[in-house]
């Protein structure tokens, strides 16, 4: 269960999110809304990247009061990820592996699915947008998060990357009960994952349809 209580997000004096009370069962959600409606802001708040007022709890763990425990329950991939120029793919994977401690064999499986093995030794400064995207998605799926948030997961991806994302969403939900919040303008997402539930962002609030 994902719970919001008195959640507000301001940029300066402008309130961009207001969620007085909402409980969401763990499912696969498609986060919809026009550009500028607050979709990415909501995802970054949920990922613990942006500060906010109020309380967010995932499986009873409070982001505000137990941030480390909360973050261990989540995975996050930005729409347009950026990494420090000097880090290699191997550096990033090693850093995340040491923190998350994924199950045996999982990292090798993800590397194979996303097709990143040939450039793990290269530095991020040399990566294309698609390579950065694949790395971000791979890291989001690492471990056993209860909730994975993917902002525009299919943009800049080749067929290998798109197939990996769609297959992993279905597998993790069906086999492990992992919840997802996907923000996307790609109409094919609904076709590929027919059991998506709709979350609408409008005027700073969200509504389950």
N, C-alpha and C. Protein backbone atom coordinates (compact mmCIF):
# COMPACT_ATOMS: atom_id res chain seq x y z
N UNK A 1 0.84 -1.19 0.00
CA UNK A 1 0.00 0.00 0.00
C UNK A 1 0.88 1.25 0.00
N UNK A 2 0.56 2.19 -0.90
CA UNK A 2 1.22 3.48 -0.95
C UNK A 2 0.24 4.51 -0.41
N UNK A 3 0.66 5.25 0.62
CA UNK A 3 -0.24 6.17 1.32
C UNK A 3 0.30 7.60 1.30
N UNK A 4 -0.58 8.53 0.97
CA UNK A 4 -0.27 9.96 1.01
C UNK A 4 -1.12 10.61 2.10
N UNK A 5 -0.50 11.43 2.92
CA UNK A 5 -1.23 12.18 3.95
C UNK A 5 -0.72 13.61 3.97
N UNK A 6 -1.59 14.55 3.61
CA UNK A 6 -1.24 15.96 3.65
C UNK A 6 -0.03 16.33 2.81
N UNK A 7 0.12 15.68 1.66
CA UNK A 7 1.31 15.91 0.84
C UNK A 7 1.15 17.20 0.02
N UNK A 8 2.13 18.07 0.13
CA UNK A 8 2.19 19.30 -0.65
C UNK A 8 3.61 19.52 -1.15
N UNK A 9 3.70 20.03 -2.38
CA UNK A 9 5.00 20.39 -2.93
C UNK A 9 4.92 21.80 -3.50
N UNK A 10 5.85 22.65 -3.07
CA UNK A 10 5.92 24.03 -3.54
C UNK A 10 7.22 24.25 -4.30
N UNK A 11 7.16 25.06 -5.35
CA UNK A 11 8.34 25.65 -5.95
C UNK A 11 8.24 27.15 -5.69
N UNK A 12 9.02 27.61 -4.73
CA UNK A 12 8.86 28.98 -4.27
C UNK A 12 7.52 29.10 -3.57
N UNK A 13 6.71 30.05 -3.99
CA UNK A 13 5.39 30.24 -3.39
C UNK A 13 4.28 29.53 -4.16
N UNK A 14 4.66 28.82 -5.22
CA UNK A 14 3.67 28.16 -6.08
C UNK A 14 3.49 26.70 -5.66
N UNK A 15 2.25 26.36 -5.32
CA UNK A 15 1.96 24.98 -4.94
C UNK A 15 1.71 24.17 -6.22
N UNK A 16 2.50 23.12 -6.42
CA UNK A 16 2.38 22.32 -7.64
C UNK A 16 1.77 20.95 -7.38
N UNK A 17 1.76 20.52 -6.13
CA UNK A 17 1.12 19.26 -5.76
C UNK A 17 0.35 19.44 -4.46
N UNK A 18 -0.85 18.87 -4.40
CA UNK A 18 -1.64 18.86 -3.18
C UNK A 18 -2.43 17.56 -3.14
N UNK A 19 -2.03 16.67 -2.23
CA UNK A 19 -2.68 15.37 -2.10
C UNK A 19 -3.05 15.19 -0.62
N UNK A 20 -4.25 15.63 -0.21
CA UNK A 20 -4.62 15.58 1.21
C UNK A 20 -4.61 14.17 1.78
N UNK A 21 -5.21 13.21 1.05
CA UNK A 21 -5.27 11.83 1.54
C UNK A 21 -5.54 10.89 0.37
N UNK A 22 -4.70 9.88 0.24
CA UNK A 22 -4.88 8.91 -0.85
C UNK A 22 -4.16 7.62 -0.49
N UNK A 23 -4.82 6.49 -0.75
CA UNK A 23 -4.22 5.18 -0.57
C UNK A 23 -4.31 4.42 -1.88
N UNK A 24 -3.18 3.89 -2.33
CA UNK A 24 -3.13 3.16 -3.58
C UNK A 24 -2.65 1.73 -3.33
N UNK A 25 -3.44 0.73 -3.71
CA UNK A 25 -2.94 -0.65 -3.65
C UNK A 25 -1.74 -0.79 -4.58
N UNK A 26 -0.86 -1.72 -4.27
CA UNK A 26 0.30 -1.92 -5.11
C UNK A 26 -0.14 -2.62 -6.40
N UNK A 27 0.01 -1.91 -7.52
CA UNK A 27 -0.45 -2.38 -8.83
C UNK A 27 0.46 -1.77 -9.89
N UNK A 28 0.07 -1.86 -11.16
CA UNK A 28 0.78 -1.18 -12.24
C UNK A 28 -0.04 0.03 -12.66
N UNK A 29 0.51 1.21 -12.48
CA UNK A 29 -0.22 2.45 -12.76
C UNK A 29 0.41 3.19 -13.93
N UNK A 30 -0.45 3.74 -14.75
CA UNK A 30 -0.03 4.64 -15.82
C UNK A 30 -0.37 6.05 -15.37
N UNK A 31 0.66 6.85 -15.13
CA UNK A 31 0.50 8.22 -14.66
C UNK A 31 0.29 9.12 -15.86
N UNK A 32 -0.90 9.73 -15.95
CA UNK A 32 -1.26 10.53 -17.12
C UNK A 32 -1.49 11.99 -16.73
N UNK A 33 -1.32 12.86 -17.71
CA UNK A 33 -1.57 14.28 -17.51
C UNK A 33 -0.81 15.07 -18.56
N UNK A 34 -1.27 16.28 -18.86
CA UNK A 34 -0.58 17.10 -19.86
C UNK A 34 0.80 17.54 -19.39
N UNK A 35 1.62 18.00 -20.31
CA UNK A 35 2.93 18.54 -19.95
C UNK A 35 2.78 19.66 -18.94
N UNK A 36 3.61 19.63 -17.90
CA UNK A 36 3.55 20.65 -16.87
C UNK A 36 2.54 20.39 -15.78
N UNK A 37 1.87 19.24 -15.82
CA UNK A 37 0.83 18.95 -14.82
C UNK A 37 1.40 18.48 -13.49
N UNK A 38 2.67 18.08 -13.46
CA UNK A 38 3.29 17.64 -12.21
C UNK A 38 3.65 16.17 -12.15
N UNK A 39 3.61 15.47 -13.27
CA UNK A 39 3.90 14.03 -13.27
C UNK A 39 5.32 13.74 -12.80
N UNK A 40 6.28 14.40 -13.42
CA UNK A 40 7.68 14.16 -13.04
C UNK A 40 7.95 14.63 -11.62
N UNK A 41 7.36 15.75 -11.23
CA UNK A 41 7.52 16.22 -9.85
C UNK A 41 7.01 15.19 -8.87
N UNK A 42 5.84 14.62 -9.14
CA UNK A 42 5.29 13.60 -8.26
C UNK A 42 6.23 12.40 -8.16
N UNK A 43 6.75 11.93 -9.28
CA UNK A 43 7.64 10.78 -9.27
C UNK A 43 8.92 11.09 -8.49
N UNK A 44 9.44 12.29 -8.64
CA UNK A 44 10.67 12.64 -7.93
C UNK A 44 10.42 12.81 -6.43
N UNK A 45 9.25 13.28 -6.07
CA UNK A 45 8.87 13.31 -4.65
C UNK A 45 8.81 11.89 -4.11
N UNK A 46 8.14 11.00 -4.83
CA UNK A 46 8.01 9.61 -4.39
C UNK A 46 9.37 8.91 -4.30
N UNK A 47 10.28 9.30 -5.18
CA UNK A 47 11.61 8.67 -5.17
C UNK A 47 12.52 9.24 -4.08
N UNK A 48 12.05 10.26 -3.38
CA UNK A 48 12.86 10.86 -2.33
C UNK A 48 13.89 11.84 -2.83
N UNK A 49 13.71 12.33 -4.07
CA UNK A 49 14.66 13.27 -4.66
C UNK A 49 14.31 14.71 -4.31
N UNK A 50 13.01 15.03 -4.28
CA UNK A 50 12.55 16.38 -3.97
C UNK A 50 11.93 16.43 -2.58
N UNK A 51 12.22 17.48 -1.80
CA UNK A 51 11.58 17.63 -0.50
C UNK A 51 10.11 18.00 -0.66
N UNK A 52 9.32 17.73 0.37
CA UNK A 52 7.89 18.00 0.32
C UNK A 52 7.35 18.12 1.74
N UNK A 53 6.11 18.55 1.85
CA UNK A 53 5.43 18.59 3.14
C UNK A 53 4.47 17.40 3.21
N UNK A 54 4.26 16.88 4.43
CA UNK A 54 3.33 15.79 4.61
C UNK A 54 4.04 14.46 4.79
N UNK A 55 3.27 13.38 4.60
CA UNK A 55 3.79 12.03 4.83
C UNK A 55 3.49 11.14 3.63
N UNK A 56 4.49 10.37 3.23
CA UNK A 56 4.32 9.30 2.24
C UNK A 56 4.83 8.02 2.86
N UNK A 57 4.00 6.99 2.81
CA UNK A 57 4.39 5.69 3.37
C UNK A 57 4.24 4.61 2.31
N UNK A 58 5.20 3.73 2.27
CA UNK A 58 5.17 2.56 1.40
C UNK A 58 5.33 1.32 2.28
N UNK A 59 4.28 0.48 2.25
CA UNK A 59 4.24 -0.69 3.13
C UNK A 59 4.50 -0.30 4.58
N UNK A 60 3.96 0.86 4.97
CA UNK A 60 4.06 1.33 6.34
C UNK A 60 5.33 2.07 6.68
N UNK A 61 6.29 2.13 5.75
CA UNK A 61 7.57 2.81 5.99
C UNK A 61 7.45 4.25 5.51
N UNK A 62 7.77 5.20 6.39
CA UNK A 62 7.63 6.62 6.09
C UNK A 62 8.88 7.16 5.40
N UNK A 63 8.68 7.84 4.27
CA UNK A 63 9.80 8.46 3.58
C UNK A 63 10.43 9.54 4.44
N UNK A 64 9.62 10.32 5.14
CA UNK A 64 10.15 11.39 5.95
C UNK A 64 10.89 10.92 7.19
N UNK A 65 10.39 9.87 7.83
CA UNK A 65 10.94 9.43 9.11
C UNK A 65 11.97 8.31 8.97
N UNK A 66 11.85 7.51 7.92
CA UNK A 66 12.78 6.39 7.70
C UNK A 66 13.24 6.39 6.24
N UNK A 67 13.95 7.47 5.83
CA UNK A 67 14.28 7.62 4.41
C UNK A 67 15.12 6.50 3.83
N UNK A 68 16.06 5.98 4.60
CA UNK A 68 16.91 4.91 4.07
C UNK A 68 16.11 3.64 3.85
N UNK A 69 15.30 3.27 4.84
CA UNK A 69 14.47 2.07 4.70
C UNK A 69 13.48 2.22 3.56
N UNK A 70 12.91 3.42 3.42
CA UNK A 70 11.96 3.68 2.33
C UNK A 70 12.63 3.52 0.98
N UNK A 71 13.79 4.12 0.82
CA UNK A 71 14.47 4.08 -0.48
C UNK A 71 14.88 2.67 -0.86
N UNK A 72 15.13 1.84 0.12
CA UNK A 72 15.46 0.44 -0.19
C UNK A 72 14.27 -0.30 -0.80
N UNK A 73 13.06 0.24 -0.62
CA UNK A 73 11.86 -0.38 -1.16
C UNK A 73 11.51 0.14 -2.55
N UNK A 74 12.30 1.08 -3.07
CA UNK A 74 11.92 1.72 -4.33
C UNK A 74 13.03 1.62 -5.38
N UNK A 75 12.60 1.68 -6.65
CA UNK A 75 13.51 1.83 -7.77
C UNK A 75 13.06 3.03 -8.59
N UNK A 76 14.00 3.73 -9.22
CA UNK A 76 13.66 4.97 -9.92
C UNK A 76 14.51 5.12 -11.18
N UNK A 77 13.87 5.49 -12.28
CA UNK A 77 14.59 5.81 -13.52
C UNK A 77 14.03 7.11 -14.08
N UNK A 78 14.90 8.09 -14.26
CA UNK A 78 14.51 9.40 -14.76
C UNK A 78 14.26 9.33 -16.27
N UNK A 79 13.50 10.30 -16.78
CA UNK A 79 13.22 10.34 -18.22
C UNK A 79 14.49 10.62 -19.02
N UNK A 80 15.33 11.51 -18.51
CA UNK A 80 16.57 11.88 -19.21
C UNK A 80 17.72 11.84 -18.20
N UNK A 81 18.17 10.66 -17.85
CA UNK A 81 19.19 10.53 -16.80
C UNK A 81 20.55 11.08 -17.23
N UNK A 82 21.29 11.59 -16.25
CA UNK A 82 22.65 12.05 -16.44
C UNK A 82 23.53 11.47 -15.35
N UNK A 83 24.77 11.16 -15.69
CA UNK A 83 25.71 10.60 -14.73
C UNK A 83 27.02 11.39 -14.78
N UNK A 84 27.79 11.39 -13.68
CA UNK A 84 29.08 12.08 -13.70
C UNK A 84 29.96 11.57 -14.84
N UNK A 85 30.57 12.50 -15.58
CA UNK A 85 31.32 12.15 -16.78
C UNK A 85 32.41 11.11 -16.55
N UNK A 86 33.02 11.13 -15.37
CA UNK A 86 34.21 10.31 -15.14
C UNK A 86 33.89 8.87 -14.73
N UNK A 87 32.62 8.58 -14.43
CA UNK A 87 32.26 7.23 -13.99
C UNK A 87 32.04 6.32 -15.19
N UNK A 88 32.43 5.06 -15.03
CA UNK A 88 32.13 4.05 -16.03
C UNK A 88 30.87 3.29 -15.65
N UNK A 89 30.34 2.52 -16.59
CA UNK A 89 29.19 1.68 -16.27
C UNK A 89 29.51 0.70 -15.17
N UNK A 90 30.70 0.14 -15.21
CA UNK A 90 31.11 -0.81 -14.16
C UNK A 90 31.17 -0.13 -12.80
N UNK A 91 31.61 1.14 -12.77
CA UNK A 91 31.63 1.88 -11.50
C UNK A 91 30.22 2.00 -10.93
N UNK A 92 29.28 2.39 -11.77
CA UNK A 92 27.90 2.58 -11.31
C UNK A 92 27.30 1.28 -10.83
N UNK A 93 27.48 0.23 -11.61
CA UNK A 93 26.91 -1.06 -11.21
C UNK A 93 27.53 -1.56 -9.91
N UNK A 94 28.84 -1.36 -9.75
CA UNK A 94 29.48 -1.79 -8.51
C UNK A 94 28.99 -1.01 -7.31
N UNK A 95 28.81 0.29 -7.49
CA UNK A 95 28.31 1.13 -6.40
C UNK A 95 26.92 0.68 -5.96
N UNK A 96 26.01 0.51 -6.93
CA UNK A 96 24.65 0.08 -6.61
C UNK A 96 24.64 -1.34 -6.05
N UNK A 97 25.45 -2.22 -6.61
CA UNK A 97 25.49 -3.61 -6.14
C UNK A 97 25.88 -3.68 -4.67
N UNK A 98 26.86 -2.87 -4.28
CA UNK A 98 27.32 -2.91 -2.88
C UNK A 98 26.26 -2.40 -1.92
N UNK A 99 25.41 -1.46 -2.38
CA UNK A 99 24.35 -0.93 -1.53
C UNK A 99 23.12 -1.84 -1.53
N UNK A 100 22.71 -2.26 -2.72
CA UNK A 100 21.45 -2.99 -2.85
C UNK A 100 21.61 -4.48 -2.59
N UNK A 101 22.78 -5.02 -2.93
CA UNK A 101 23.04 -6.46 -2.76
C UNK A 101 21.97 -7.30 -3.46
N UNK A 102 21.94 -7.24 -4.79
CA UNK A 102 20.92 -7.98 -5.54
C UNK A 102 21.08 -9.48 -5.40
N UNK A 103 20.02 -10.24 -5.64
CA UNK A 103 20.10 -11.70 -5.58
C UNK A 103 21.15 -12.23 -6.56
N UNK A 104 21.69 -13.38 -6.25
CA UNK A 104 22.71 -13.99 -7.09
C UNK A 104 22.19 -14.16 -8.52
N UNK A 105 22.98 -13.74 -9.48
CA UNK A 105 22.64 -13.90 -10.89
C UNK A 105 21.78 -12.80 -11.47
N UNK A 106 21.17 -11.96 -10.61
CA UNK A 106 20.26 -10.94 -11.14
C UNK A 106 20.99 -9.90 -11.98
N UNK A 107 22.14 -9.44 -11.52
CA UNK A 107 22.86 -8.39 -12.24
C UNK A 107 23.29 -8.87 -13.62
N UNK A 108 23.81 -10.09 -13.70
CA UNK A 108 24.20 -10.64 -15.01
C UNK A 108 22.99 -10.75 -15.93
N UNK A 109 21.84 -11.12 -15.38
CA UNK A 109 20.62 -11.22 -16.18
C UNK A 109 20.22 -9.86 -16.73
N UNK A 110 20.27 -8.82 -15.89
CA UNK A 110 19.89 -7.48 -16.33
C UNK A 110 20.86 -6.94 -17.37
N UNK A 111 22.15 -7.20 -17.18
CA UNK A 111 23.15 -6.76 -18.16
C UNK A 111 22.87 -7.39 -19.52
N UNK A 112 22.51 -8.66 -19.51
CA UNK A 112 22.20 -9.35 -20.76
C UNK A 112 20.93 -8.84 -21.40
N UNK A 113 19.89 -8.62 -20.61
CA UNK A 113 18.61 -8.15 -21.15
C UNK A 113 18.74 -6.78 -21.82
N UNK A 114 19.46 -5.88 -21.17
CA UNK A 114 19.59 -4.53 -21.70
C UNK A 114 20.73 -4.38 -22.71
N UNK A 115 21.55 -5.42 -22.86
CA UNK A 115 22.61 -5.39 -23.86
C UNK A 115 23.67 -4.34 -23.61
N UNK A 116 24.13 -4.23 -22.37
CA UNK A 116 25.07 -3.16 -22.02
C UNK A 116 26.51 -3.64 -21.80
N UNK A 117 26.75 -4.93 -21.93
CA UNK A 117 28.06 -5.48 -21.54
C UNK A 117 29.22 -4.88 -22.33
N UNK A 118 28.99 -4.54 -23.60
CA UNK A 118 30.09 -4.09 -24.46
C UNK A 118 30.60 -2.70 -24.09
N UNK A 119 29.84 -1.91 -23.35
CA UNK A 119 30.31 -0.56 -23.03
C UNK A 119 30.38 -0.27 -21.53
N UNK A 120 30.38 -1.30 -20.70
CA UNK A 120 30.47 -1.09 -19.26
C UNK A 120 31.80 -0.46 -18.85
N UNK A 121 32.83 -0.65 -19.64
CA UNK A 121 34.13 -0.08 -19.30
C UNK A 121 34.31 1.35 -19.77
N UNK A 122 33.36 1.88 -20.53
CA UNK A 122 33.49 3.25 -21.03
C UNK A 122 32.92 4.25 -20.04
N UNK A 123 33.40 5.50 -20.12
CA UNK A 123 32.96 6.55 -19.20
C UNK A 123 31.64 7.17 -19.68
N UNK A 124 30.87 7.65 -18.72
CA UNK A 124 29.55 8.19 -19.02
C UNK A 124 29.59 9.36 -19.99
N UNK A 125 30.69 10.10 -20.01
CA UNK A 125 30.81 11.24 -20.91
C UNK A 125 30.69 10.82 -22.38
N UNK A 126 30.98 9.55 -22.68
CA UNK A 126 30.94 9.06 -24.05
C UNK A 126 29.60 8.43 -24.42
N UNK A 127 28.67 8.33 -23.46
CA UNK A 127 27.43 7.59 -23.71
C UNK A 127 26.43 8.44 -24.49
N UNK A 128 25.64 7.75 -25.30
CA UNK A 128 24.49 8.38 -25.96
C UNK A 128 23.33 8.48 -24.97
N UNK A 129 22.27 9.18 -25.38
CA UNK A 129 21.08 9.27 -24.55
C UNK A 129 20.48 7.89 -24.30
N UNK A 130 20.50 7.03 -25.32
CA UNK A 130 19.96 5.69 -25.16
C UNK A 130 20.76 4.85 -24.19
N UNK A 131 22.08 5.00 -24.19
CA UNK A 131 22.92 4.25 -23.25
C UNK A 131 22.67 4.71 -21.82
N UNK A 132 22.56 6.04 -21.62
CA UNK A 132 22.24 6.55 -20.28
C UNK A 132 20.89 6.00 -19.81
N UNK A 133 19.94 5.94 -20.73
CA UNK A 133 18.60 5.46 -20.39
C UNK A 133 18.65 4.00 -19.96
N UNK A 134 19.36 3.18 -20.71
CA UNK A 134 19.46 1.77 -20.36
C UNK A 134 20.09 1.57 -18.99
N UNK A 135 21.14 2.35 -18.70
CA UNK A 135 21.78 2.23 -17.39
C UNK A 135 20.81 2.60 -16.27
N UNK A 136 20.07 3.69 -16.47
CA UNK A 136 19.10 4.13 -15.46
C UNK A 136 18.05 3.07 -15.20
N UNK A 137 17.54 2.47 -16.26
CA UNK A 137 16.52 1.43 -16.11
C UNK A 137 17.08 0.18 -15.45
N UNK A 138 18.27 -0.22 -15.87
CA UNK A 138 18.89 -1.39 -15.25
C UNK A 138 19.03 -1.19 -13.74
N UNK A 139 19.49 -0.03 -13.33
CA UNK A 139 19.66 0.25 -11.90
C UNK A 139 18.32 0.26 -11.17
N UNK A 140 17.27 0.74 -11.83
CA UNK A 140 15.95 0.78 -11.20
C UNK A 140 15.42 -0.62 -10.90
N UNK A 141 15.76 -1.58 -11.76
CA UNK A 141 15.27 -2.94 -11.58
C UNK A 141 16.17 -3.79 -10.67
N UNK A 142 17.28 -3.25 -10.25
CA UNK A 142 18.20 -4.02 -9.42
C UNK A 142 17.61 -4.24 -8.02
N UNK A 143 17.80 -5.42 -7.48
CA UNK A 143 17.29 -5.74 -6.15
C UNK A 143 15.87 -6.26 -6.21
N UNK A 144 15.14 -6.06 -5.12
CA UNK A 144 13.76 -6.50 -5.02
C UNK A 144 12.89 -5.37 -4.48
N UNK A 145 12.82 -4.24 -5.20
CA UNK A 145 12.00 -3.11 -4.72
C UNK A 145 10.51 -3.45 -4.72
N UNK A 146 9.78 -2.86 -3.79
CA UNK A 146 8.32 -3.03 -3.76
C UNK A 146 7.63 -2.14 -4.78
N UNK A 147 8.27 -1.01 -5.11
CA UNK A 147 7.70 -0.04 -6.04
C UNK A 147 8.80 0.48 -6.95
N UNK A 148 8.56 0.40 -8.27
CA UNK A 148 9.50 0.93 -9.26
C UNK A 148 8.81 2.04 -10.03
N UNK A 149 9.46 3.21 -10.12
CA UNK A 149 8.90 4.37 -10.80
C UNK A 149 9.73 4.66 -12.04
N UNK A 150 9.09 4.69 -13.19
CA UNK A 150 9.78 4.88 -14.46
C UNK A 150 9.16 6.07 -15.20
N UNK A 151 9.95 7.11 -15.40
CA UNK A 151 9.47 8.31 -16.10
C UNK A 151 9.84 8.19 -17.57
N UNK A 152 8.83 8.11 -18.43
CA UNK A 152 9.02 7.94 -19.87
C UNK A 152 10.03 6.81 -20.16
N UNK A 153 9.72 5.59 -19.75
CA UNK A 153 10.71 4.51 -19.82
C UNK A 153 11.09 4.07 -21.23
N UNK A 154 10.29 4.38 -22.25
CA UNK A 154 10.57 3.86 -23.58
C UNK A 154 11.25 4.86 -24.51
N UNK A 155 11.36 6.12 -24.12
CA UNK A 155 11.97 7.10 -25.03
C UNK A 155 13.47 6.83 -25.14
N UNK A 156 14.02 7.06 -26.31
CA UNK A 156 15.44 6.91 -26.68
C UNK A 156 15.92 5.46 -26.66
N UNK A 157 15.03 4.50 -26.41
CA UNK A 157 15.44 3.10 -26.35
C UNK A 157 15.35 2.43 -27.70
N UNK A 158 16.28 1.49 -27.96
CA UNK A 158 16.17 0.64 -29.12
C UNK A 158 15.23 -0.52 -28.80
N UNK A 159 15.06 -1.43 -29.77
CA UNK A 159 14.13 -2.54 -29.57
C UNK A 159 14.55 -3.43 -28.40
N UNK A 160 15.85 -3.66 -28.26
CA UNK A 160 16.34 -4.49 -27.14
C UNK A 160 15.93 -3.89 -25.81
N UNK A 161 16.14 -2.59 -25.65
CA UNK A 161 15.81 -1.93 -24.38
C UNK A 161 14.33 -1.91 -24.11
N UNK A 162 13.52 -1.62 -25.14
CA UNK A 162 12.07 -1.58 -24.96
C UNK A 162 11.53 -2.94 -24.57
N UNK A 163 12.03 -3.98 -25.23
CA UNK A 163 11.58 -5.34 -24.90
C UNK A 163 11.95 -5.70 -23.47
N UNK A 164 13.16 -5.33 -23.06
CA UNK A 164 13.60 -5.64 -21.70
C UNK A 164 12.69 -4.99 -20.67
N UNK A 165 12.37 -3.70 -20.88
CA UNK A 165 11.52 -2.98 -19.92
C UNK A 165 10.15 -3.63 -19.81
N UNK A 166 9.51 -3.85 -20.95
CA UNK A 166 8.15 -4.40 -20.94
C UNK A 166 8.11 -5.79 -20.34
N UNK A 167 9.09 -6.62 -20.68
CA UNK A 167 9.14 -7.97 -20.12
C UNK A 167 9.35 -7.95 -18.61
N UNK A 168 10.25 -7.07 -18.16
CA UNK A 168 10.55 -7.01 -16.73
C UNK A 168 9.38 -6.48 -15.92
N UNK A 169 8.65 -5.51 -16.45
CA UNK A 169 7.47 -5.01 -15.74
C UNK A 169 6.47 -6.14 -15.53
N UNK A 170 6.18 -6.86 -16.59
CA UNK A 170 5.21 -7.95 -16.45
C UNK A 170 5.71 -9.04 -15.53
N UNK A 171 6.97 -9.42 -15.67
CA UNK A 171 7.52 -10.50 -14.85
C UNK A 171 7.57 -10.13 -13.37
N UNK A 172 8.07 -8.94 -13.08
CA UNK A 172 8.19 -8.55 -11.67
C UNK A 172 6.81 -8.42 -11.02
N UNK A 173 5.84 -7.91 -11.74
CA UNK A 173 4.50 -7.79 -11.17
C UNK A 173 3.86 -9.16 -10.98
N UNK A 174 3.93 -10.00 -11.98
CA UNK A 174 3.28 -11.32 -11.92
C UNK A 174 3.94 -12.25 -10.92
N UNK A 175 5.25 -12.25 -10.85
CA UNK A 175 5.98 -13.22 -10.03
C UNK A 175 6.31 -12.73 -8.63
N UNK A 176 6.50 -11.39 -8.49
CA UNK A 176 6.96 -10.88 -7.20
C UNK A 176 6.02 -9.84 -6.59
N UNK A 177 4.99 -9.45 -7.33
CA UNK A 177 4.06 -8.46 -6.81
C UNK A 177 4.62 -7.06 -6.76
N UNK A 178 5.68 -6.79 -7.54
CA UNK A 178 6.26 -5.45 -7.58
C UNK A 178 5.26 -4.47 -8.19
N UNK A 179 5.10 -3.33 -7.57
CA UNK A 179 4.22 -2.29 -8.10
C UNK A 179 5.02 -1.36 -9.00
N UNK A 180 4.31 -0.71 -9.94
CA UNK A 180 4.95 0.21 -10.87
C UNK A 180 4.11 1.47 -11.04
N UNK A 181 4.78 2.60 -11.17
CA UNK A 181 4.15 3.82 -11.65
C UNK A 181 4.92 4.25 -12.88
N UNK A 182 4.25 4.24 -14.03
CA UNK A 182 4.88 4.53 -15.31
C UNK A 182 4.29 5.82 -15.86
N UNK A 183 5.13 6.78 -16.15
CA UNK A 183 4.69 8.00 -16.81
C UNK A 183 5.13 7.93 -18.26
N UNK A 184 4.19 7.95 -19.20
CA UNK A 184 4.57 7.78 -20.59
C UNK A 184 3.53 8.39 -21.52
N UNK A 185 4.02 8.93 -22.64
CA UNK A 185 3.15 9.37 -23.71
C UNK A 185 3.11 8.34 -24.85
N UNK A 186 3.72 7.18 -24.63
CA UNK A 186 3.77 6.16 -25.65
C UNK A 186 2.48 5.33 -25.64
N UNK A 187 1.66 5.39 -26.67
CA UNK A 187 0.39 4.65 -26.67
C UNK A 187 0.58 3.14 -26.65
N UNK A 188 1.73 2.68 -27.13
CA UNK A 188 1.98 1.24 -27.14
C UNK A 188 2.09 0.63 -25.77
N UNK A 189 2.35 1.45 -24.77
CA UNK A 189 2.49 0.92 -23.42
C UNK A 189 1.19 0.27 -22.95
N UNK A 190 0.08 0.91 -23.22
CA UNK A 190 -1.22 0.36 -22.83
C UNK A 190 -1.51 -0.95 -23.56
N UNK A 191 -1.09 -1.03 -24.79
CA UNK A 191 -1.31 -2.25 -25.57
C UNK A 191 -0.45 -3.40 -25.05
N UNK A 192 0.77 -3.10 -24.67
CA UNK A 192 1.69 -4.14 -24.21
C UNK A 192 1.40 -4.58 -22.77
N UNK A 193 0.84 -3.68 -21.96
CA UNK A 193 0.53 -4.02 -20.56
C UNK A 193 -0.94 -3.69 -20.33
N UNK A 194 -1.84 -4.58 -20.71
CA UNK A 194 -3.27 -4.26 -20.72
C UNK A 194 -3.89 -4.04 -19.35
N UNK A 195 -3.24 -4.51 -18.27
CA UNK A 195 -3.85 -4.37 -16.95
C UNK A 195 -3.39 -3.10 -16.23
N UNK A 196 -2.89 -2.12 -16.98
CA UNK A 196 -2.53 -0.83 -16.39
C UNK A 196 -3.74 -0.16 -15.75
N UNK A 197 -3.55 0.40 -14.57
CA UNK A 197 -4.55 1.26 -13.97
C UNK A 197 -4.14 2.72 -14.16
N UNK A 198 -5.10 3.60 -14.33
CA UNK A 198 -4.82 4.98 -14.68
C UNK A 198 -4.79 5.89 -13.46
N UNK A 199 -3.72 6.68 -13.36
CA UNK A 199 -3.61 7.74 -12.37
C UNK A 199 -3.55 9.05 -13.13
N UNK A 200 -4.48 9.95 -12.86
CA UNK A 200 -4.55 11.22 -13.57
C UNK A 200 -4.02 12.34 -12.67
N UNK A 201 -3.09 13.13 -13.20
CA UNK A 201 -2.60 14.32 -12.51
C UNK A 201 -3.29 15.53 -13.12
N UNK A 202 -3.98 16.30 -12.27
CA UNK A 202 -4.72 17.47 -12.77
C UNK A 202 -4.78 18.52 -11.67
N UNK A 203 -4.35 19.71 -12.01
CA UNK A 203 -4.37 20.84 -11.06
C UNK A 203 -3.66 20.49 -9.76
N UNK A 204 -2.56 19.76 -9.86
CA UNK A 204 -1.76 19.47 -8.69
C UNK A 204 -2.22 18.32 -7.84
N UNK A 205 -3.35 17.68 -8.18
CA UNK A 205 -3.83 16.54 -7.42
C UNK A 205 -3.81 15.30 -8.31
N UNK A 206 -3.93 14.14 -7.71
CA UNK A 206 -3.97 12.91 -8.49
C UNK A 206 -5.24 12.14 -8.17
N UNK A 207 -5.74 11.45 -9.19
CA UNK A 207 -6.99 10.72 -9.05
C UNK A 207 -6.84 9.36 -9.71
N UNK A 208 -7.31 8.32 -9.01
CA UNK A 208 -7.30 6.97 -9.56
C UNK A 208 -8.59 6.77 -10.36
N UNK A 209 -8.42 6.39 -11.64
CA UNK A 209 -9.56 6.17 -12.53
C UNK A 209 -9.88 4.68 -12.60
